[in-house]
PDB file of N, CA and C in Angstrom:
ATOM      1  N   MET A   1      15.646 -18.150   1.799  1.00  0.00           N
ATOM      2  CA  MET A   1      16.176 -19.337   1.244  1.00  0.00           C
ATOM      3  C   MET A   1      15.641 -20.619   1.662  1.00  0.00           C
ATOM      4  N   GLY A   2      14.782 -21.392   0.987  1.00  0.00           N
ATOM      5  CA  GLY A   2      14.390 -22.268   1.417  1.00  0.00           C
ATOM      6  C   GLY A   2      14.931 -23.526   1.303  1.00  0.00           C
ATOM      7  N   ASP A   3      14.715 -24.905   1.973  1.00  0.00           N
ATOM      8  CA  ASP A   3      15.423 -25.819   1.843  1.00  0.00           C
ATOM      9  C   ASP A   3      15.776 -26.797   0.698  1.00  0.00           C
ATOM     10  N   ASN A   4      14.869 -26.122  -0.171  1.00  0.00           N
ATOM     11  CA  ASN A   4      14.907 -27.208  -1.446  1.00  0.00           C
ATOM     12  C   ASN A   4      14.822 -25.831  -2.625  1.00  0.00           C
ATOM     13  N   GLY A   5      16.213 -24.957  -2.376  1.00  0.00           N
ATOM     14  CA  GLY A   5      16.364 -23.996  -3.037  1.00  0.00           C
ATOM     15  C   GLY A   5      15.720 -23.008  -3.927  1.00  0.00           C
ATOM     16  N   GLU A   6      14.351 -23.012  -2.891  1.00  0.00           N
ATOM     17  CA  GLU A   6      13.358 -21.940  -3.362  1.00  0.00           C
ATOM     18  C   GLU A   6      13.941 -20.723  -2.772  1.00  0.00           C
ATOM     19  N   ILE A   7      13.321 -19.190  -3.352  1.00  0.00           N
ATOM     20  CA  ILE A   7      13.995 -17.813  -3.153  1.00  0.00           C
ATOM     21  C   ILE A   7      13.102 -17.628  -1.928  1.00  0.00           C
ATOM     22  N   LEU A   8      11.920 -18.006  -2.230  1.00  0.00           N
ATOM     23  CA  LEU A   8      10.955 -17.254  -0.823  1.00  0.00           C
ATOM     24  C   LEU A   8       9.841 -18.826  -0.873  1.00  0.00           C
ATOM     25  N   ASP A   9       9.544 -18.716   0.298  1.00  0.00           N
ATOM     26  CA  ASP A   9       8.430 -19.816   0.727  1.00  0.00           C
ATOM     27  C   ASP A   9       7.173 -19.171   0.659  1.00  0.00           C
ATOM     28  N   ILE A  10       6.552 -19.208  -0.250  1.00  0.00           N
ATOM     29  CA  ILE A  10       5.147 -18.373  -0.162  1.00  0.00           C
ATOM     30  C   ILE A  10       4.392 -19.723  -0.849  1.00  0.00           C
ATOM     31  N   LYS A  11       3.099 -19.756  -0.337  1.00  0.00           N
ATOM     32  CA  LYS A  11       2.152 -21.186  -0.315  1.00  0.00           C
ATOM     33  C   LYS A  11       1.273 -20.540  -0.736  1.00  0.00           C
ATOM     34  N   ILE A  12       0.540 -21.052  -1.829  1.00  0.00           N
ATOM     35  CA  ILE A  12      -0.613 -20.566  -2.252  1.00  0.00           C
ATOM     36  C   ILE A  12      -1.895 -20.310  -1.278  1.00  0.00           C
ATOM     37  N   ALA A  13      -1.939 -21.724  -0.511  1.00  0.00           N
ATOM     38  CA  ALA A  13      -2.855 -21.336   0.677  1.00  0.00           C
ATOM     39  C   ALA A  13      -2.895 -19.938   1.406  1.00  0.00           C
ATOM     40  N   ASP A  14      -1.489 -19.179   1.827  1.00  0.00           N
ATOM     41  CA  ASP A  14      -1.309 -18.594   2.426  1.00  0.00           C
ATOM     42  C   ASP A  14      -1.726 -17.085   1.780  1.00  0.00           C
ATOM     43  N   LEU A  15      -1.169 -17.177   0.523  1.00  0.00           N
ATOM     44  CA  LEU A  15      -1.843 -16.156  -0.357  1.00  0.00           C
ATOM     45  C   LEU A  15      -3.559 -15.827  -0.476  1.00  0.00           C
ATOM     46  N   LYS A  16      -4.114 -16.958  -0.509  1.00  0.00           N
ATOM     47  CA  LYS A  16      -5.404 -16.888  -0.539  1.00  0.00           C
ATOM     48  C   LYS A  16      -6.289 -16.380   0.881  1.00  0.00           C
ATOM     49  N   ALA A  17      -5.956 -16.768   1.561  1.00  0.00           N
ATOM     50  CA  ALA A  17      -5.996 -16.532   3.169  1.00  0.00           C
ATOM     51  C   ALA A  17      -5.706 -15.100   3.508  1.00  0.00           C
ATOM     52  N   THR A  18      -4.629 -14.967   2.951  1.00  0.00           N
ATOM     53  CA  THR A  18      -4.129 -13.285   3.317  1.00  0.00           C
ATOM     54  C   THR A  18      -4.636 -12.330   2.278  1.00  0.00           C
ATOM     55  N   ALA A  19      -5.039 -12.434   0.814  1.00  0.00           N
ATOM     56  CA  ALA A  19      -5.672 -11.668   0.085  1.00  0.00           C
ATOM     57  C   ALA A  19      -6.706 -10.930   0.598  1.00  0.00           C
ATOM     58  N   PRO A  20      -7.862 -11.509   1.007  1.00  0.00           N
ATOM     59  CA  PRO A  20      -8.627 -11.102   1.802  1.00  0.00           C
ATOM     60  C   PRO A  20      -8.784  -9.732   2.513  1.00  0.00           C
ATOM     61  N   ALA A  21      -7.975  -9.962   3.414  1.00  0.00           N
ATOM     62  CA  ALA A  21      -7.696  -8.796   4.355  1.00  0.00           C
ATOM     63  C   ALA A  21      -7.205  -7.290   3.817  1.00  0.00           C
ATOM     64  N   PHE A  22      -6.782  -7.056   2.469  1.00  0.00           N
ATOM     65  CA  PHE A  22      -6.143  -6.409   1.875  1.00  0.00           C
ATOM     66  C   PHE A  22      -7.437  -5.699   1.153  1.00  0.00           C
ATOM     67  N   HIS A  23      -8.524  -6.607   0.662  1.00  0.00           N
ATOM     68  CA  HIS A  23      -9.434  -5.942   0.199  1.00  0.00           C
ATOM     69  C   HIS A  23     -10.452  -5.240   1.519  1.00  0.00           C
ATOM     70  N   THR A  24     -10.232  -5.930   2.445  1.00  0.00           N
ATOM     71  CA  THR A  24     -11.320  -5.273   3.622  1.00  0.00           C
ATOM     72  C   THR A  24     -11.120  -4.073   4.291  1.00  0.00           C
ATOM     73  N   GLU A  25      -9.238  -4.200   4.207  1.00  0.00           N
ATOM     74  CA  GLU A  25      -8.757  -2.812   4.588  1.00  0.00           C
ATOM     75  C   GLU A  25      -9.390  -1.640   3.155  1.00  0.00           C
ATOM     76  N   SER A  26      -9.176  -2.199   2.364  1.00  0.00           N
ATOM     77  CA  SER A  26      -9.328  -1.392   1.491  1.00  0.00           C
ATOM     78  C   SER A  26     -10.397  -0.377   1.409  1.00  0.00           C
ATOM     79  N   VAL A  27     -11.784  -1.322   1.713  1.00  0.00           N
ATOM     80  CA  VAL A  27     -12.554  -0.909   1.971  1.00  0.00           C
ATOM     81  C   VAL A  27     -13.181  -0.035   3.047  1.00  0.00           C
ATOM     82  N   ALA A  28     -12.579  -0.777   4.064  1.00  0.00           N
ATOM     83  CA  ALA A  28     -12.868   0.422   5.540  1.00  0.00           C
ATOM     84  C   ALA A  28     -12.071   1.773   5.068  1.00  0.00           C
ATOM     85  N   LEU A  29     -10.762   1.786   4.729  1.00  0.00           N
ATOM     86  CA  LEU A  29      -9.955   3.118   4.445  1.00  0.00           C
ATOM     87  C   LEU A  29     -10.822   3.686   3.401  1.00  0.00           C
ATOM     88  N   GLY A  30     -11.418   3.251   2.754  1.00  0.00           N
ATOM     89  CA  GLY A  30     -12.674   3.818   1.507  1.00  0.00           C
ATOM     90  C   GLY A  30     -13.594   4.427   2.442  1.00  0.00           C
ATOM     91  N   ARG A  31     -14.389   3.872   2.909  1.00  0.00           N
ATOM     92  CA  ARG A  31     -15.608   4.638   4.332  1.00  0.00           C
ATOM     93  C   ARG A  31     -14.623   5.518   4.541  1.00  0.00           C
ATOM     94  N   ALA A  32     -13.692   5.304   5.673  1.00  0.00           N
ATOM     95  CA  ALA A  32     -13.413   6.302   6.588  1.00  0.00           C
ATOM     96  C   ALA A  32     -12.937   7.628   6.091  1.00  0.00           C
ATOM     97  N   LEU A  33     -12.240   7.265   4.469  1.00  0.00           N
ATOM     98  CA  LEU A  33     -12.372   8.793   4.057  1.00  0.00           C
ATOM     99  C   LEU A  33     -13.673   9.268   3.588  1.00  0.00           C
ATOM    100  N   HIS A  34     -14.462   8.693   2.837  1.00  0.00           N
ATOM    101  CA  HIS A  34     -15.759   9.583   3.114  1.00  0.00           C
ATOM    102  C   HIS A  34     -16.680   9.681   4.122  1.00  0.00           C
ATOM    103  N   LYS A  35     -16.238   9.136   5.053  1.00  0.00           N
ATOM    104  CA  LYS A  35     -17.020   9.923   6.356  1.00  0.00           C
ATOM    105  C   LYS A  35     -16.131  10.884   6.960  1.00  0.00           C
ATOM    106  N   LEU A  36     -14.897  10.935   6.629  1.00  0.00           N
ATOM    107  CA  LEU A  36     -14.067  12.166   7.123  1.00  0.00           C
ATOM    108  C   LEU A  36     -14.633  13.138   6.239  1.00  0.00           C
ATOM    109  N   LYS A  37     -14.390  12.898   4.698  1.00  0.00           N
ATOM    110  CA  LYS A  37     -14.986  14.189   4.059  1.00  0.00           C
ATOM    111  C   LYS A  37     -16.492  14.688   4.520  1.00  0.00           C
ATOM    112  N   LEU A  38     -16.981  13.992   4.705  1.00  0.00           N
ATOM    113  CA  LEU A  38     -19.065  14.137   4.942  1.00  0.00           C
ATOM    114  C   LEU A  38     -18.537  15.108   6.579  1.00  0.00           C
ATOM    115  N   ALA A  39     -17.974  14.527   7.539  1.00  0.00           N
ATOM    116  CA  ALA A  39     -18.034  15.386   8.435  1.00  0.00           C
ATOM    117  C   ALA A  39     -16.960  16.668   8.709  1.00  0.00           C
ATOM    118  N   LEU A  40     -16.240  16.627   7.649  1.00  0.00           N
ATOM    119  CA  LEU A  40     -15.277  17.947   7.809  1.00  0.00           C
ATOM    120  C   LEU A  40     -16.477  18.850   7.240  1.00  0.00           C
ATOM    121  N   ALA A  41     -17.462  18.406   5.866  1.00  0.00           N
ATOM    122  CA  ALA A  41     -18.226  19.340   5.045  1.00  0.00           C
ATOM    123  C   ALA A  41     -19.188  20.037   6.209  1.00  0.00           C
ATOM    124  N   ASP A  42     -20.044  19.040   6.862  1.00  0.00           N
ATOM    125  CA  ASP A  42     -20.544  19.472   7.817  1.00  0.00           C
ATOM    126  C   ASP A  42     -20.244  20.405   9.077  1.00  0.00           C
ATOM    127  N   ALA A  43     -18.674  19.807   9.342  1.00  0.00           N
ATOM    128  CA  ALA A  43     -18.737  21.129  10.600  1.00  0.00           C
ATOM    129  C   ALA A  43     -18.528  22.132   9.749  1.00  0.00           C
ATOM    130  N   GLY A  44     -17.673  22.822   8.772  1.00  0.00           N
ATOM    131  CA  GLY A  44     -17.864  23.739   8.506  1.00  0.00           C
ATOM    132  C   GLY A  44     -16.536  24.154   8.844  1.00  0.00           C
ATOM    133  N   SER A  45     -15.901  25.448   9.414  1.00  0.00           N
ATOM    134  CA  SER A  45     -14.831  25.624  10.336  1.00  0.00           C
ATOM    135  C   SER A  45     -14.756  25.833  11.742  1.00  0.00           C
ATOM    136  N   ALA A  46     -15.079  24.363  12.134  1.00  0.00           N
ATOM    137  CA  ALA A  46     -15.431  23.889  13.655  1.00  0.00           C
ATOM    138  C   ALA A  46     -14.152  24.542  14.669  1.00  0.00           C
ATOM    139  N   TRP A  47     -12.848  25.324  14.000  1.00  0.00           N
ATOM    140  CA  TRP A  47     -11.999  25.550  14.712  1.00  0.00           C
ATOM    141  C   TRP A  47     -12.334  26.988  15.303  1.00  0.00           C
ATOM    142  N   GLY A  48     -12.926  27.565  14.805  1.00  0.00           N
ATOM    143  CA  GLY A  48     -13.693  29.080  15.448  1.00  0.00           C
ATOM    144  C   GLY A  48     -12.945  29.974  14.501  1.00  0.00           C
ATOM    145  N   ASP A  49     -13.446  31.537  14.582  1.00  0.00           N
ATOM    146  CA  ASP A  49     -13.701  32.466  13.821  1.00  0.00           C
ATOM    147  C   ASP A  49     -12.006  32.951  14.628  1.00  0.00           C
ATOM    148  N   ASP A  50     -11.946  32.896  15.673  1.00  0.00           N
ATOM    149  CA  ASP A  50     -10.863  33.862  16.258  1.00  0.00           C
ATOM    150  C   ASP A  50      -9.399  33.708  15.899  1.00  0.00           C
ATOM    151  N   ASP A  51      -8.207  34.177  16.139  1.00  0.00           N
ATOM    152  CA  ASP A  51      -7.217  34.231  15.821  1.00  0.00           C
ATOM    153  C   ASP A  51      -6.284  32.992  15.608  1.00  0.00           C
ATOM    154  N   GLN A  52      -6.613  32.196  17.027  1.00  0.00           N
ATOM    155  CA  GLN A  52      -6.335  31.083  16.807  1.00  0.00           C
ATOM    156  C   GLN A  52      -7.135  30.263  15.909  1.00  0.00           C
ATOM    157  N   GLY A  53      -8.421  29.972  15.887  1.00  0.00           N
ATOM    158  CA  GLY A  53      -8.889  29.331  14.421  1.00  0.00           C
ATOM    159  C   GLY A  53      -8.302  29.793  13.323  1.00  0.00           C
ATOM    160  N   ALA A  54      -8.222  30.947  12.985  1.00  0.00           N
ATOM    161  CA  ALA A  54      -7.607  31.289  11.515  1.00  0.00           C
ATOM    162  C   ALA A  54      -6.200  30.697  11.289  1.00  0.00           C
ATOM    163  N   ASP A  55      -5.478  31.058  12.320  1.00  0.00           N
ATOM    164  CA  ASP A  55      -3.996  30.374  12.091  1.00  0.00           C
ATOM    165  C   ASP A  55      -4.003  28.803  11.985  1.00  0.00           C
ATOM    166  N   PHE A  56      -5.173  27.963  12.534  1.00  0.00           N
ATOM    167  CA  PHE A  56      -5.180  26.751  12.793  1.00  0.00           C
ATOM    168  C   PHE A  56      -5.482  26.341  11.244  1.00  0.00           C
ATOM    169  N   HIS A  57      -6.583  27.345  10.583  1.00  0.00           N
ATOM    170  CA  HIS A  57      -7.188  27.024   9.519  1.00  0.00           C
ATOM    171  C   HIS A  57      -6.039  27.061   8.224  1.00  0.00           C
ATOM    172  N   LYS A  58      -5.214  28.136   8.321  1.00  0.00           N
ATOM    173  CA  LYS A  58      -3.841  28.584   7.135  1.00  0.00           C
ATOM    174  C   LYS A  58      -3.056  27.304   7.522  1.00  0.00           C
ATOM    175  N   ALA A  59      -2.912  26.796   8.351  1.00  0.00           N
ATOM    176  CA  ALA A  59      -1.789  25.555   8.455  1.00  0.00           C
ATOM    177  C   ALA A  59      -2.834  24.409   7.987  1.00  0.00           C
ATOM    178  N   TYR A  60      -4.280  24.242   8.359  1.00  0.00           N
ATOM    179  CA  TYR A  60      -4.695  22.628   8.461  1.00  0.00           C
ATOM    180  C   TYR A  60      -5.589  22.887   6.415  1.00  0.00           C
ATOM    181  N   GLY A  61      -5.984  23.963   6.455  1.00  0.00           N
ATOM    182  CA  GLY A  61      -7.147  23.981   5.259  1.00  0.00           C
ATOM    183  C   GLY A  61      -6.035  23.471   3.938  1.00  0.00           C
ATOM    184  N   PRO A  62      -4.826  24.037   3.332  1.00  0.00           N
ATOM    185  CA  PRO A  62      -4.280  23.577   2.564  1.00  0.00           C
ATOM    186  C   PRO A  62      -4.001  21.798   2.205  1.00  0.00           C
ATOM    187  N   ARG A  63      -3.800  21.378   3.355  1.00  0.00           N
ATOM    188  CA  ARG A  63      -3.123  20.186   3.575  1.00  0.00           C
ATOM    189  C   ARG A  63      -4.547  19.146   3.805  1.00  0.00           C
ATOM    190  N   LEU A  64      -5.487  19.579   3.676  1.00  0.00           N
ATOM    191  CA  LEU A  64      -6.701  18.613   3.610  1.00  0.00           C
ATOM    192  C   LEU A  64      -6.555  17.854   2.309  1.00  0.00           C
ATOM    193  N   GLN A  65      -6.428  18.733   1.473  1.00  0.00           N
ATOM    194  CA  GLN A  65      -6.491  17.807  -0.210  1.00  0.00           C
ATOM    195  C   GLN A  65      -5.527  16.850  -0.055  1.00  0.00           C
ATOM    196  N   GLN A  66      -4.420  17.752   0.691  1.00  0.00           N
ATOM    197  CA  GLN A  66      -2.791  16.369   0.340  1.00  0.00           C
ATOM    198  C   GLN A  66      -3.813  15.120   1.162  1.00  0.00           C
ATOM    199  N   ILE A  67      -4.154  15.207   2.359  1.00  0.00           N
ATOM    200  CA  ILE A  67      -4.355  14.288   3.361  1.00  0.00           C
ATOM    201  C   ILE A  67      -5.739  13.000   2.595  1.00  0.00           C
ATOM    202  N   GLU A  68      -6.587  14.122   1.837  1.00  0.00           N
ATOM    203  CA  GLU A  68      -7.459  12.907   1.239  1.00  0.00           C
ATOM    204  C   GLU A  68      -7.038  12.286   0.005  1.00  0.00           C
ATOM    205  N   ASP A  69      -6.078  12.971  -0.992  1.00  0.00           N
ATOM    206  CA  ASP A  69      -5.208  12.275  -2.085  1.00  0.00           C
ATOM    207  C   ASP A  69      -4.194  11.185  -1.187  1.00  0.00           C
ATOM    208  N   SER A  70      -3.897  11.495  -0.341  1.00  0.00           N
ATOM    209  CA  SER A  70      -2.654  10.304   0.268  1.00  0.00           C
ATOM    210  C   SER A  70      -3.845   9.026   0.680  1.00  0.00           C
ATOM    211  N   THR A  71      -4.859   9.366   1.246  1.00  0.00           N
ATOM    212  CA  THR A  71      -5.683   8.167   1.617  1.00  0.00           C
ATOM    213  C   THR A  71      -6.289   7.365   0.621  1.00  0.00           C
ATOM    214  N   LYS A  72      -6.584   7.973  -0.415  1.00  0.00           N
ATOM    215  CA  LYS A  72      -7.057   7.714  -1.947  1.00  0.00           C
ATOM    216  C   LYS A  72      -5.749   6.634  -2.344  1.00  0.00           C
ATOM    217  N   ILE A  73      -4.808   7.035  -2.561  1.00  0.00           N
ATOM    218  CA  ILE A  73      -3.977   6.252  -2.532  1.00  0.00           C
ATOM    219  C   ILE A  73      -3.241   5.135  -1.800  1.00  0.00           C
ATOM    220  N   LEU A  74      -3.504   5.198  -0.736  1.00  0.00           N
ATOM    221  CA  LEU A  74      -3.462   4.100   0.502  1.00  0.00           C
ATOM    222  C   LEU A  74      -4.874   2.962   0.053  1.00  0.00           C
ATOM    223  N   THR A  75      -5.772   3.722  -0.004  1.00  0.00           N
ATOM    224  CA  THR A  75      -7.266   2.704  -0.542  1.00  0.00           C
ATOM    225  C   THR A  75      -6.953   1.841  -1.897  1.00  0.00           C
ATOM    226  N   GLU A  76      -6.448   2.877  -2.921  1.00  0.00           N
ATOM    227  CA  GLU A  76      -5.952   1.654  -4.254  1.00  0.00           C
ATOM    228  C   GLU A  76      -4.783   1.121  -3.854  1.00  0.00           C
ATOM    229  N   GLY A  77      -3.879   1.146  -3.320  1.00  0.00           N
ATOM    230  CA  GLY A  77      -2.772   0.209  -3.046  1.00  0.00           C
ATOM    231  C   GLY A  77      -3.227  -0.720  -2.575  1.00  0.00           C
ATOM    232  N   LEU A  78      -3.919  -0.610  -1.392  1.00  0.00           N
ATOM    233  CA  LEU A  78      -4.533  -2.347  -0.626  1.00  0.00           C
ATOM    234  C   LEU A  78      -5.443  -2.688  -1.569  1.00  0.00           C
ATOM    235  N   ALA A  79      -6.290  -2.364  -2.373  1.00  0.00           N
ATOM    236  CA  ALA A  79      -6.543  -2.854  -3.333  1.00  0.00           C
ATOM    237  C   ALA A  79      -5.989  -3.723  -4.460  1.00  0.00           C
ATOM    238  N   SER A  80      -5.020  -2.811  -4.874  1.00  0.00           N
ATOM    239  CA  SER A  80      -4.080  -3.856  -5.871  1.00  0.00           C
ATOM    240  C   SER A  80      -3.182  -4.905  -5.056  1.00  0.00           C
ATOM    241  N   ILE A  81      -2.730  -4.815  -3.999  1.00  0.00           N
ATOM    242  CA  ILE A  81      -2.308  -5.443  -3.197  1.00  0.00           C
ATOM    243  C   ILE A  81      -3.199  -6.937  -3.155  1.00  0.00           C
ATOM    244  N   HIS A  82      -4.348  -6.976  -3.071  1.00  0.00           N
ATOM    245  CA  HIS A  82      -5.312  -7.635  -3.059  1.00  0.00           C
ATOM    246  C   HIS A  82      -5.568  -8.458  -4.338  1.00  0.00           C
ATOM    247  N   LEU A  83      -5.597  -7.691  -5.241  1.00  0.00           N
ATOM    248  CA  LEU A  83      -5.572  -8.382  -7.104  1.00  0.00           C
ATOM    249  C   LEU A  83      -4.508  -9.179  -7.346  1.00  0.00           C
ATOM    250  N   ALA A  84      -3.374  -8.616  -6.745  1.00  0.00           N
ATOM    251  CA  ALA A  84      -1.891  -8.926  -7.108  1.00  0.00           C
ATOM    252  C   ALA A  84      -2.101 -10.562  -6.624  1.00  0.00           C
ATOM    253  N   MET A  85      -2.457 -10.373  -5.049  1.00  0.00           N
ATOM    254  CA  MET A  85      -1.952 -11.794  -4.286  1.00  0.00           C
ATOM    255  C   MET A  85      -2.930 -12.726  -4.743  1.00  0.00           C
ATOM    256  N   SER A  86      -4.141 -11.997  -5.473  1.00  0.00           N
ATOM    257  CA  SER A  86      -5.170 -13.343  -5.616  1.00  0.00           C
ATOM    258  C   SER A  86      -4.553 -13.841  -7.002  1.00  0.00           C
ATOM    259  N   ASP A  87      -4.173 -13.172  -7.645  1.00  0.00           N
ATOM    260  CA  ASP A  87      -3.465 -13.605  -9.323  1.00  0.00           C
ATOM    261  C   ASP A  87      -2.347 -14.149  -9.002  1.00  0.00           C
ATOM    262  N   MET A  88      -1.696 -14.175  -8.024  1.00  0.00           N
ATOM    263  CA  MET A  88      -0.653 -15.255  -7.666  1.00  0.00           C
ATOM    264  C   MET A  88      -0.996 -16.481  -7.403  1.00  0.00           C
ATOM    265  N   ALA A  89      -2.055 -16.529  -6.630  1.00  0.00           N
ATOM    266  CA  ALA A  89      -2.873 -17.728  -5.890  1.00  0.00           C
ATOM    267  C   ALA A  89      -3.427 -18.450  -6.882  1.00  0.00           C
ATOM    268  N   ASP A  90      -4.116 -17.549  -7.814  1.00  0.00           N
ATOM    269  CA  ASP A  90      -4.780 -18.477  -9.112  1.00  0.00           C
ATOM    270  C   ASP A  90      -4.015 -18.907 -10.046  1.00  0.00           C
ATOM    271  N   GLY A  91      -1.944 -18.489 -10.155  1.00  0.00           N
ATOM    272  CA  GLY A  91      -1.682 -19.462 -10.861  1.00  0.00           C
ATOM    273  C   GLY A  91      -1.554 -18.577 -12.238  1.00  0.00           C
ATOM    274  N   HIS A  92      -2.257 -16.624 -12.215  1.00  0.00           N
ATOM    275  CA  HIS A  92      -1.867 -16.011 -13.319  1.00  0.00           C
ATOM    276  C   HIS A  92      -0.337 -15.892 -13.350  1.00  0.00           C
ATOM    277  N   ILE A  93       0.511 -15.871 -12.076  1.00  0.00           N
ATOM    278  CA  ILE A  93       1.948 -15.267 -12.329  1.00  0.00           C
ATOM    279  C   ILE A  93       2.495 -16.651 -11.530  1.00  0.00           C
ATOM    280  N   ASP A  94       3.476 -17.187 -12.400  1.00  0.00           N
ATOM    281  CA  ASP A  94       4.322 -18.033 -11.721  1.00  0.00           C
ATOM    282  C   ASP A  94       5.272 -17.262 -10.586  1.00  0.00           C
ATOM    283  N   ASN A  95       4.905 -17.198  -9.333  1.00  0.00           N
ATOM    284  CA  ASN A  95       5.690 -16.621  -8.425  1.00  0.00           C
ATOM    285  C   ASN A  95       7.104 -16.929  -8.395  1.00  0.00           C
ATOM    286  N   GLU A  96       7.120 -18.610  -8.380  1.00  0.00           N
ATOM    287  CA  GLU A  96       8.911 -18.771  -7.794  1.00  0.00           C
ATOM    288  C   GLU A  96       9.794 -18.500  -9.109  1.00  0.00           C
ATOM    289  N   GLU A  97       9.097 -18.662 -10.078  1.00  0.00           N
ATOM    290  CA  GLU A  97       9.849 -18.714 -11.444  1.00  0.00           C
ATOM    291  C   GLU A  97      10.275 -17.120 -11.705  1.00  0.00           C
ATOM    292  N   LEU A  98       9.107 -16.396 -11.383  1.00  0.00           N
ATOM    293  CA  LEU A  98       9.373 -14.443 -11.594  1.00  0.00           C
ATOM    294  C   LEU A  98      10.441 -14.067 -10.366  1.00  0.00           C
ATOM    295  N   VAL A  99      10.391 -14.730  -9.042  1.00  0.00           N
ATOM    296  CA  VAL A  99      11.182 -14.159  -8.166  1.00  0.00           C
ATOM    297  C   VAL A  99      12.341 -14.989  -8.200  1.00  0.00           C
ATOM    298  N   ARG A 100      12.924 -15.907  -8.823  1.00  0.00           N
ATOM    299  CA  ARG A 100      13.937 -16.325  -8.934  1.00  0.00           C
ATOM    300  C   ARG A 100      14.505 -15.465 -10.412  1.00  0.00           C
ATOM    301  N   ALA A 101      14.044 -15.106 -11.081  1.00  0.00           N
ATOM    302  CA  ALA A 101      14.726 -14.661 -12.321  1.00  0.00           C
ATOM    303  C   ALA A 101      14.591 -13.026 -11.874  1.00  0.00           C
ATOM    304  N   MET A 102      14.049 -12.370 -11.117  1.00  0.00           N
ATOM    305  CA  MET A 102      14.632 -10.972 -10.560  1.00  0.00           C
ATOM    306  C   MET A 102      16.019 -11.066  -9.547  1.00  0.00           C
ATOM    307  N   PHE A 103      15.948 -12.201  -8.704  1.00  0.00           N
ATOM    308  CA  PHE A 103      17.353 -12.166  -7.739  1.00  0.00           C
ATOM    309  C   PHE A 103      18.361 -12.866  -8.798  1.00  0.00           C
ATOM    310  N   SER A 104      18.158 -13.423  -9.931  1.00  0.00           N
ATOM    311  CA  SER A 104      19.206 -14.020 -10.320  1.00  0.00           C
ATOM    312  C   SER A 104      20.107 -13.433 -11.352  1.00  0.00           C
ATOM    313  N   ARG A 105      19.347 -12.315 -11.536  1.00  0.00           N
ATOM    314  CA  ARG A 105      20.355 -10.966 -12.638  1.00  0.00           C
ATOM    315  C   ARG A 105      21.419 -10.293 -11.670  1.00  0.00           C
ATOM    316  N   ILE A 106      21.024 -10.059 -10.229  1.00  0.00           N
ATOM    317  CA  ILE A 106      21.328  -9.439  -9.461  1.00  0.00           C
ATOM    318  C   ILE A 106      22.669 -10.182  -8.915  1.00  0.00           C
ATOM    319  N   GLN A 107      24.044  -9.627  -9.417  1.00  0.00           N
ATOM    320  CA  GLN A 107      25.408  -9.977  -8.667  1.00  0.00           C
ATOM    321  C   GLN A 107      25.928  -9.286  -8.088  1.00  0.00           C
ATOM    322  N   VAL A 108      26.396  -9.659  -6.495  1.00  0.00           N
ATOM    323  CA  VAL A 108      26.709  -8.618  -5.456  1.00  0.00           C
ATOM    324  C   VAL A 108      28.461  -8.912  -5.533  1.00  0.00           C
ATOM    325  N   ASP A 109      29.023  -8.230  -5.631  1.00  0.00           N
ATOM    326  CA  ASP A 109      30.649  -8.239  -5.684  1.00  0.00           C
ATOM    327  C   ASP A 109      31.034  -8.239  -4.111  1.00  0.00           C
ATOM    328  N   PRO A 110      32.274  -8.733  -3.836  1.00  0.00           N
ATOM    329  CA  PRO A 110      32.348  -9.057  -2.371  1.00  0.00           C
ATOM    330  C   PRO A 110      32.411  -7.768  -1.712  1.00  0.00           C
ATOM    331  N   HIS A 111      32.173  -6.426  -2.247  1.00  0.00           N
ATOM    332  CA  HIS A 111      32.418  -5.153  -1.573  1.00  0.00           C
ATOM    333  C   HIS A 111      31.090  -4.419  -1.098  1.00  0.00           C
ATOM    334  N   GLY A 112      29.968  -5.258  -1.510  1.00  0.00           N
ATOM    335  CA  GLY A 112      28.758  -4.918  -1.152  1.00  0.00           C
ATOM    336  C   GLY A 112      27.891  -3.987  -2.421  1.00  0.00           C
ATOM    337  N   GLY A 113      28.800  -3.860  -3.661  1.00  0.00           N
ATOM    338  CA  GLY A 113      28.092  -3.270  -4.477  1.00  0.00           C
ATOM    339  C   GLY A 113      27.886  -4.501  -5.800  1.00  0.00           C
ATOM    340  N   LYS A 114      27.285  -3.856  -6.752  1.00  0.00           N
ATOM    341  CA  LYS A 114      26.416  -4.622  -7.670  1.00  0.00           C
ATOM    342  C   LYS A 114      27.771  -5.423  -8.931  1.00  0.00           C
ATOM    343  N   GLY A 115      27.782  -6.524  -8.810  1.00  0.00           N
ATOM    344  CA  GLY A 115      28.962  -6.883 -10.078  1.00  0.00           C
ATOM    345  C   GLY A 115      28.507  -6.424 -11.530  1.00  0.00           C
ATOM    346  N   ALA A 116      29.711  -6.873 -12.197  1.00  0.00           N
ATOM    347  CA  ALA A 116      29.931  -6.643 -13.442  1.00  0.00           C
ATOM    348  C   ALA A 116      28.600  -6.844 -14.297  1.00  0.00           C
ATOM    349  N   GLY A 117      27.871  -7.772 -13.656  1.00  0.00           N
ATOM    350  CA  GLY A 117      26.279  -7.914 -14.580  1.00  0.00           C
ATOM    351  C   GLY A 117      25.483  -6.950 -14.549  1.00  0.00           C
ATOM    352  N   GLN A 118      25.431  -6.159 -13.575  1.00  0.00           N
ATOM    353  CA  GLN A 118      24.383  -4.891 -13.634  1.00  0.00           C
ATOM    354  C   GLN A 118      24.627  -3.481 -13.975  1.00  0.00           C
TER     355      GLN A 118
END
């Protein structure tokens, strides 16, 4: 909690300075995923046709789609963080009031549980 009764000490300048990094990383991760897909497609079954290669393919093959889907989610998540931070910095979201409203509804009893308000 800040000295002036602030819940979070987030400055607009910090948001504006930090937001582009999330965009940059989102683009880089998207490019890396694209490169991975191309490399795997070009490689074919680079692990070989022997028993060890077949065993590897059985374990890896089904997970390839999971890896690609997870990377896509991460890419989109980084992009959405960039947009959210930009919106906050541009004043589209009154951050301090929003955070104060979120945390003021939570009342904790002395035993660490939620109070009667929740």
